[in-house]
Amino acid sequence: MTDEVGVVTGDLTVATTVQADGLAAVTLQYTGAEEWYTLTGSPVDVPAEGLQHLHDTVLDKIRSGGGARAPR
């Protein structure tokens, strides 16, 4: 689920990055496209387990389908 266009499906590229304010932004795009979209619920706090853990959690949610949102 994205803020800009709703649900996206297919071959996606996902990026999880730390912003200047310390929150983690999760964005995604159709692989090979130019436009990036914000995963609904992003930005979020970086968990104690770290950014990679957050990224892996997001990937698991996206792969399971159902309009995934950023974890809280």
PDB file of N, CA and C in Angstrom:
ATOM      1  N   MET A   1       0.852  -1.167   0.000  1.00  0.00           N
ATOM      2  CA  MET A   1       0.000   0.000   0.000  1.00  0.00           C
ATOM      3  C   MET A   1       0.908   1.243   0.000  1.00  0.00           C
ATOM      4  N   THR A   2       0.623   2.157  -0.906  1.00  0.00           N
ATOM      5  CA  THR A   2       1.404   3.394  -0.974  1.00  0.00           C
ATOM      6  C   THR A   2       0.504   4.596  -0.725  1.00  0.00           C
ATOM      7  N   ASP A   3       1.125   5.686  -0.280  1.00  0.00           N
ATOM      8  CA  ASP A   3       0.372   6.913  -0.051  1.00  0.00           C
ATOM      9  C   ASP A   3      -0.103   7.527  -1.365  1.00  0.00           C
ATOM     10  N   GLU A   4       0.713   7.395  -2.401  1.00  0.00           N
ATOM     11  CA  GLU A   4       0.450   8.106  -3.647  1.00  0.00           C
ATOM     12  C   GLU A   4      -0.519   7.395  -4.585  1.00  0.00           C
ATOM     13  N   VAL A   5      -0.405   6.077  -4.716  1.00  0.00           N
ATOM     14  CA  VAL A   5      -1.205   5.371  -5.730  1.00  0.00           C
ATOM     15  C   VAL A   5      -1.935   4.144  -5.202  1.00  0.00           C
ATOM     16  N   GLY A   6      -1.947   3.949  -3.895  1.00  0.00           N
ATOM     17  CA  GLY A   6      -2.614   2.780  -3.340  1.00  0.00           C
ATOM     18  C   GLY A   6      -1.772   1.524  -3.479  1.00  0.00           C
ATOM     19  N   VAL A   7      -2.424   0.414  -3.740  1.00  0.00           N
ATOM     20  CA  VAL A   7      -1.747  -0.881  -3.819  1.00  0.00           C
ATOM     21  C   VAL A   7      -0.937  -0.989  -5.106  1.00  0.00           C
ATOM     22  N   VAL A   8       0.297  -1.464  -4.978  1.00  0.00           N
ATOM     23  CA  VAL A   8       1.120  -1.778  -6.137  1.00  0.00           C
ATOM     24  C   VAL A   8       1.500  -3.256  -6.053  1.00  0.00           C
ATOM     25  N   THR A   9       1.585  -3.896  -7.201  1.00  0.00           N
ATOM     26  CA  THR A   9       1.932  -5.310  -7.254  1.00  0.00           C
ATOM     27  C   THR A   9       2.942  -5.526  -8.357  1.00  0.00           C
ATOM     28  N   GLY A  10       3.578  -6.667  -8.319  1.00  0.00           N
ATOM     29  CA  GLY A  10       4.534  -7.011  -9.367  1.00  0.00           C
ATOM     30  C   GLY A  10       5.953  -6.983  -8.847  1.00  0.00           C
ATOM     31  N   ASP A  11       6.889  -6.807  -9.780  1.00  0.00           N
ATOM     32  CA  ASP A  11       8.309  -6.791  -9.459  1.00  0.00           C
ATOM     33  C   ASP A  11       8.661  -5.414  -8.895  1.00  0.00           C
ATOM     34  N   LEU A  12       8.958  -5.362  -7.589  1.00  0.00           N
ATOM     35  CA  LEU A  12       9.183  -4.091  -6.908  1.00  0.00           C
ATOM     36  C   LEU A  12      10.603  -4.005  -6.359  1.00  0.00           C
ATOM     37  N   THR A  13      11.101  -2.787  -6.280  1.00  0.00           N
ATOM     38  CA  THR A  13      12.344  -2.479  -5.590  1.00  0.00           C
ATOM     39  C   THR A  13      11.964  -1.704  -4.338  1.00  0.00           C
ATOM     40  N   VAL A  14      12.509  -2.111  -3.198  1.00  0.00           N
ATOM     41  CA  VAL A  14      12.184  -1.484  -1.921  1.00  0.00           C
ATOM     42  C   VAL A  14      13.452  -0.893  -1.325  1.00  0.00           C
ATOM     43  N   ALA A  15      13.364   0.350  -0.843  1.00  0.00           N
ATOM     44  CA  ALA A  15      14.495   1.013  -0.192  1.00  0.00           C
ATOM     45  C   ALA A  15      14.061   1.466   1.198  1.00  0.00           C
ATOM     46  N   THR A  16      14.901   1.179   2.175  1.00  0.00           N
ATOM     47  CA  THR A  16      14.665   1.610   3.553  1.00  0.00           C
ATOM     48  C   THR A  16      15.874   2.438   3.961  1.00  0.00           C
ATOM     49  N   THR A  17      15.650   3.720   4.227  1.00  0.00           N
ATOM     50  CA  THR A  17      16.754   4.631   4.514  1.00  0.00           C
ATOM     51  C   THR A  17      16.450   5.473   5.754  1.00  0.00           C
ATOM     52  N   VAL A  18      17.515   5.917   6.415  1.00  0.00           N
ATOM     53  CA  VAL A  18      17.353   6.796   7.573  1.00  0.00           C
ATOM     54  C   VAL A  18      17.356   8.239   7.092  1.00  0.00           C
ATOM     55  N   GLN A  19      16.342   8.992   7.512  1.00  0.00           N
ATOM     56  CA  GLN A  19      16.224  10.403   7.170  1.00  0.00           C
ATOM     57  C   GLN A  19      17.035  11.247   8.160  1.00  0.00           C
ATOM     58  N   ALA A  20      17.181  12.520   7.867  1.00  0.00           N
ATOM     59  CA  ALA A  20      17.911  13.445   8.738  1.00  0.00           C
ATOM     60  C   ALA A  20      17.304  13.518  10.141  1.00  0.00           C
ATOM     61  N   ASP A  21      15.983  13.294  10.258  1.00  0.00           N
ATOM     62  CA  ASP A  21      15.321  13.367  11.567  1.00  0.00           C
ATOM     63  C   ASP A  21      15.441  12.068  12.361  1.00  0.00           C
ATOM     64  N   GLY A  22      16.155  11.071  11.812  1.00  0.00           N
ATOM     65  CA  GLY A  22      16.371   9.804  12.502  1.00  0.00           C
ATOM     66  C   GLY A  22      15.309   8.755  12.252  1.00  0.00           C
ATOM     67  N   LEU A  23      14.243   9.114  11.565  1.00  0.00           N
ATOM     68  CA  LEU A  23      13.206   8.140  11.222  1.00  0.00           C
ATOM     69  C   LEU A  23      13.597   7.384   9.956  1.00  0.00           C
ATOM     70  N   ALA A  24      13.040   6.197   9.798  1.00  0.00           N
ATOM     71  CA  ALA A  24      13.309   5.390   8.617  1.00  0.00           C
ATOM     72  C   ALA A  24      12.202   5.587   7.588  1.00  0.00           C
ATOM     73  N   ALA A  25      12.594   5.941   6.384  1.00  0.00           N
ATOM     74  CA  ALA A  25      11.655   6.080   5.271  1.00  0.00           C
ATOM     75  C   ALA A  25      11.684   4.796   4.453  1.00  0.00           C
ATOM     76  N   VAL A  26      10.500   4.300   4.115  1.00  0.00           N
ATOM     77  CA  VAL A  26      10.397   3.110   3.269  1.00  0.00           C
ATOM     78  C   VAL A  26       9.726   3.539   1.975  1.00  0.00           C
ATOM     79  N   THR A  27      10.440   3.358   0.874  1.00  0.00           N
ATOM     80  CA  THR A  27       9.919   3.715  -0.441  1.00  0.00           C
ATOM     81  C   THR A  27      10.028   2.508  -1.352  1.00  0.00           C
ATOM     82  N   LEU A  28       9.201   2.525  -2.397  1.00  0.00           N
ATOM     83  CA  LEU A  28       9.256   1.427  -3.357  1.00  0.00           C
ATOM     84  C   LEU A  28       8.920   1.929  -4.744  1.00  0.00           C
ATOM     85  N   GLN A  29       9.337   1.140  -5.703  1.00  0.00           N
ATOM     86  CA  GLN A  29       9.074   1.464  -7.097  1.00  0.00           C
ATOM     87  C   GLN A  29       8.919   0.167  -7.866  1.00  0.00           C
ATOM     88  N   TYR A  30       8.249   0.287  -9.015  1.00  0.00           N
ATOM     89  CA  TYR A  30       8.274  -0.836  -9.937  1.00  0.00           C
ATOM     90  C   TYR A  30       9.711  -0.944 -10.423  1.00  0.00           C
ATOM     91  N   THR A  31      10.285  -2.122 -10.369  1.00  0.00           N
ATOM     92  CA  THR A  31      11.673  -2.298 -10.747  1.00  0.00           C
ATOM     93  C   THR A  31      11.916  -1.749 -12.145  1.00  0.00           C
ATOM     94  N   GLY A  32      12.907  -0.860 -12.240  1.00  0.00           N
ATOM     95  CA  GLY A  32      13.258  -0.250 -13.513  1.00  0.00           C
ATOM     96  C   GLY A  32      12.541   1.059 -13.801  1.00  0.00           C
ATOM     97  N   ALA A  33      11.544   1.408 -12.985  1.00  0.00           N
ATOM     98  CA  ALA A  33      10.803   2.655 -13.194  1.00  0.00           C
ATOM     99  C   ALA A  33      11.548   3.821 -12.534  1.00  0.00           C
ATOM    100  N   GLU A  34      11.112   5.022 -12.819  1.00  0.00           N
ATOM    101  CA  GLU A  34      11.736   6.201 -12.221  1.00  0.00           C
ATOM    102  C   GLU A  34      11.012   6.670 -10.967  1.00  0.00           C
ATOM    103  N   GLU A  35       9.714   6.470 -10.886  1.00  0.00           N
ATOM    104  CA  GLU A  35       8.915   6.988  -9.780  1.00  0.00           C
ATOM    105  C   GLU A  35       9.072   6.129  -8.528  1.00  0.00           C
ATOM    106  N   TRP A  36       9.249   6.810  -7.394  1.00  0.00           N
ATOM    107  CA  TRP A  36       9.287   6.145  -6.092  1.00  0.00           C
ATOM    108  C   TRP A  36       8.022   6.516  -5.335  1.00  0.00           C
ATOM    109  N   TYR A  37       7.489   5.565  -4.565  1.00  0.00           N
ATOM    110  CA  TYR A  37       6.285   5.768  -3.781  1.00  0.00           C
ATOM    111  C   TYR A  37       6.574   5.489  -2.307  1.00  0.00           C
ATOM    112  N   THR A  38       5.845   6.162  -1.435  1.00  0.00           N
ATOM    113  CA  THR A  38       6.010   5.995   0.007  1.00  0.00           C
ATOM    114  C   THR A  38       5.129   4.863   0.503  1.00  0.00           C
ATOM    115  N   LEU A  39       5.728   3.899   1.205  1.00  0.00           N
ATOM    116  CA  LEU A  39       4.939   2.836   1.812  1.00  0.00           C
ATOM    117  C   LEU A  39       4.078   3.466   2.898  1.00  0.00           C
ATOM    118  N   THR A  40       2.784   3.198   2.861  1.00  0.00           N
ATOM    119  CA  THR A  40       1.863   3.772   3.837  1.00  0.00           C
ATOM    120  C   THR A  40       2.334   3.445   5.253  1.00  0.00           C
ATOM    121  N   GLY A  41       2.347   4.471   6.095  1.00  0.00           N
ATOM    122  CA  GLY A  41       2.816   4.322   7.467  1.00  0.00           C
ATOM    123  C   GLY A  41       4.246   4.792   7.663  1.00  0.00           C
ATOM    124  N   SER A  42       4.948   5.023   6.561  1.00  0.00           N
ATOM    125  CA  SER A  42       6.329   5.501   6.613  1.00  0.00           C
ATOM    126  C   SER A  42       6.316   7.022   6.694  1.00  0.00           C
ATOM    127  N   PRO A  43       7.246   7.638   7.403  1.00  0.00           N
ATOM    128  CA  PRO A  43       8.412   7.071   8.078  1.00  0.00           C
ATOM    129  C   PRO A  43       8.057   6.498   9.451  1.00  0.00           C
ATOM    130  N   VAL A  44       8.957   5.656   9.937  1.00  0.00           N
ATOM    131  CA  VAL A  44       8.780   4.995  11.234  1.00  0.00           C
ATOM    132  C   VAL A  44      10.082   5.082  12.027  1.00  0.00           C
ATOM    133  N   ASP A  45       9.972   4.809  13.319  1.00  0.00           N
ATOM    134  CA  ASP A  45      11.171   4.736  14.151  1.00  0.00           C
ATOM    135  C   ASP A  45      12.030   3.558  13.706  1.00  0.00           C
ATOM    136  N   VAL A  46      13.335   3.720  13.793  1.00  0.00           N
ATOM    137  CA  VAL A  46      14.245   2.605  13.547  1.00  0.00           C
ATOM    138  C   VAL A  46      14.214   1.723  14.793  1.00  0.00           C
ATOM    139  N   PRO A  47      13.906   0.443  14.637  1.00  0.00           N
ATOM    140  CA  PRO A  47      13.819  -0.420  15.823  1.00  0.00           C
ATOM    141  C   PRO A  47      15.200  -0.664  16.436  1.00  0.00           C
ATOM    142  N   ALA A  48      15.204  -1.132  17.673  1.00  0.00           N
ATOM    143  CA  ALA A  48      16.464  -1.430  18.366  1.00  0.00           C
ATOM    144  C   ALA A  48      17.295  -2.450  17.595  1.00  0.00           C
ATOM    145  N   GLU A  49      16.615  -3.310  16.838  1.00  0.00           N
ATOM    146  CA  GLU A  49      17.331  -4.350  16.068  1.00  0.00           C
ATOM    147  C   GLU A  49      18.042  -3.776  14.855  1.00  0.00           C
ATOM    148  N   GLY A  50      17.741  -2.547  14.486  1.00  0.00           N
ATOM    149  CA  GLY A  50      18.449  -1.881  13.398  1.00  0.00           C
ATOM    150  C   GLY A  50      17.661  -1.764  12.104  1.00  0.00           C
ATOM    151  N   LEU A  51      18.251  -1.008  11.189  1.00  0.00           N
ATOM    152  CA  LEU A  51      17.620  -0.707   9.909  1.00  0.00           C
ATOM    153  C   LEU A  51      17.440  -1.951   9.048  1.00  0.00           C
ATOM    154  N   GLN A  52      18.425  -2.838   9.044  1.00  0.00           N
ATOM    155  CA  GLN A  52      18.309  -4.056   8.228  1.00  0.00           C
ATOM    156  C   GLN A  52      17.145  -4.913   8.697  1.00  0.00           C
ATOM    157  N   HIS A  53      16.951  -4.988  10.011  1.00  0.00           N
ATOM    158  CA  HIS A  53      15.821  -5.740  10.552  1.00  0.00           C
ATOM    159  C   HIS A  53      14.494  -5.138  10.079  1.00  0.00           C
ATOM    160  N   LEU A  54      14.414  -3.813  10.129  1.00  0.00           N
ATOM    161  CA  LEU A  54      13.211  -3.137   9.634  1.00  0.00           C
ATOM    162  C   LEU A  54      12.987  -3.455   8.165  1.00  0.00           C
ATOM    163  N   HIS A  55      14.033  -3.346   7.367  1.00  0.00           N
ATOM    164  CA  HIS A  55      13.925  -3.621   5.927  1.00  0.00           C
ATOM    165  C   HIS A  55      13.439  -5.053   5.689  1.00  0.00           C
ATOM    166  N   ASP A  56      14.031  -6.006   6.399  1.00  0.00           N
ATOM    167  CA  ASP A  56      13.632  -7.410   6.237  1.00  0.00           C
ATOM    168  C   ASP A  56      12.182  -7.628   6.640  1.00  0.00           C
ATOM    169  N   THR A  57      11.738  -6.945   7.705  1.00  0.00           N
ATOM    170  CA  THR A  57      10.351  -7.045   8.150  1.00  0.00           C
ATOM    171  C   THR A  57       9.404  -6.500   7.079  1.00  0.00           C
ATOM    172  N   VAL A  58       9.777  -5.365   6.495  1.00  0.00           N
ATOM    173  CA  VAL A  58       8.968  -4.767   5.425  1.00  0.00           C
ATOM    174  C   VAL A  58       8.882  -5.721   4.231  1.00  0.00           C
ATOM    175  N   LEU A  59      10.011  -6.297   3.835  1.00  0.00           N
ATOM    176  CA  LEU A  59       9.995  -7.239   2.701  1.00  0.00           C
ATOM    177  C   LEU A  59       9.072  -8.416   2.980  1.00  0.00           C
ATOM    178  N   ASP A  60       9.130  -8.958   4.198  1.00  0.00           N
ATOM    179  CA  ASP A  60       8.249 -10.074   4.560  1.00  0.00           C
ATOM    180  C   ASP A  60       6.783  -9.670   4.438  1.00  0.00           C
ATOM    181  N   LYS A  61       6.441  -8.467   4.914  1.00  0.00           N
ATOM    182  CA  LYS A  61       5.057  -7.994   4.841  1.00  0.00           C
ATOM    183  C   LYS A  61       4.615  -7.815   3.388  1.00  0.00           C
ATOM    184  N   ILE A  62       5.483  -7.241   2.560  1.00  0.00           N
ATOM    185  CA  ILE A  62       5.147  -7.023   1.152  1.00  0.00           C
ATOM    186  C   ILE A  62       4.954  -8.372   0.454  1.00  0.00           C
ATOM    187  N   ARG A  63       5.843  -9.308   0.708  1.00  0.00           N
ATOM    188  CA  ARG A  63       5.752 -10.618   0.056  1.00  0.00           C
ATOM    189  C   ARG A  63       4.487 -11.363   0.456  1.00  0.00           C
ATOM    190  N   SER A  64       4.000 -11.115   1.671  1.00  0.00           N
ATOM    191  CA  SER A  64       2.791 -11.816   2.109  1.00  0.00           C
ATOM    192  C   SER A  64       1.519 -11.210   1.528  1.00  0.00           C
ATOM    193  N   GLY A  65       1.642  -9.993   0.946  1.00  0.00           N
ATOM    194  CA  GLY A  65       0.499  -9.372   0.268  1.00  0.00           C
ATOM    195  C   GLY A  65      -0.492  -8.746   1.237  1.00  0.00           C
ATOM    196  N   GLY A  66      -1.641  -8.413   0.705  1.00  0.00           N
ATOM    197  CA  GLY A  66      -2.701  -7.869   1.523  1.00  0.00           C
ATOM    198  C   GLY A  66      -2.580  -6.387   1.825  1.00  0.00           C
ATOM    199  N   GLY A  67      -1.904  -5.623   0.978  1.00  0.00           N
ATOM    200  CA  GLY A  67      -1.784  -4.189   1.219  1.00  0.00           C
ATOM    201  C   GLY A  67      -0.878  -3.865   2.379  1.00  0.00           C
ATOM    202  N   ALA A  68       0.349  -4.361   2.339  1.00  0.00           N
ATOM    203  CA  ALA A  68       1.315  -4.171   3.434  1.00  0.00           C
ATOM    204  C   ALA A  68       1.517  -2.693   3.746  1.00  0.00           C
ATOM    205  N   ARG A  69       1.730  -2.433   5.019  1.00  0.00           N
ATOM    206  CA  ARG A  69       2.028  -1.090   5.515  1.00  0.00           C
ATOM    207  C   ARG A  69       3.302  -1.151   6.342  1.00  0.00           C
ATOM    208  N   ALA A  70       3.917  -0.003   6.565  1.00  0.00           N
ATOM    209  CA  ALA A  70       5.128   0.051   7.394  1.00  0.00           C
ATOM    210  C   ALA A  70       4.794  -0.415   8.807  1.00  0.00           C
ATOM    211  N   PRO A  71       5.668  -1.223   9.408  1.00  0.00           N
ATOM    212  CA  PRO A  71       5.406  -1.710  10.776  1.00  0.00           C
ATOM    213  C   PRO A  71       5.524  -0.592  11.798  1.00  0.00           C
ATOM    214  N   ARG A  72       4.749  -0.664  12.834  1.00  0.00           N
ATOM    215  CA  ARG A  72       4.789   0.315  13.930  1.00  0.00           C
ATOM    216  C   ARG A  72       5.482  -0.266  15.114  1.00  0.00           C
TER     217      ARG A  72
END
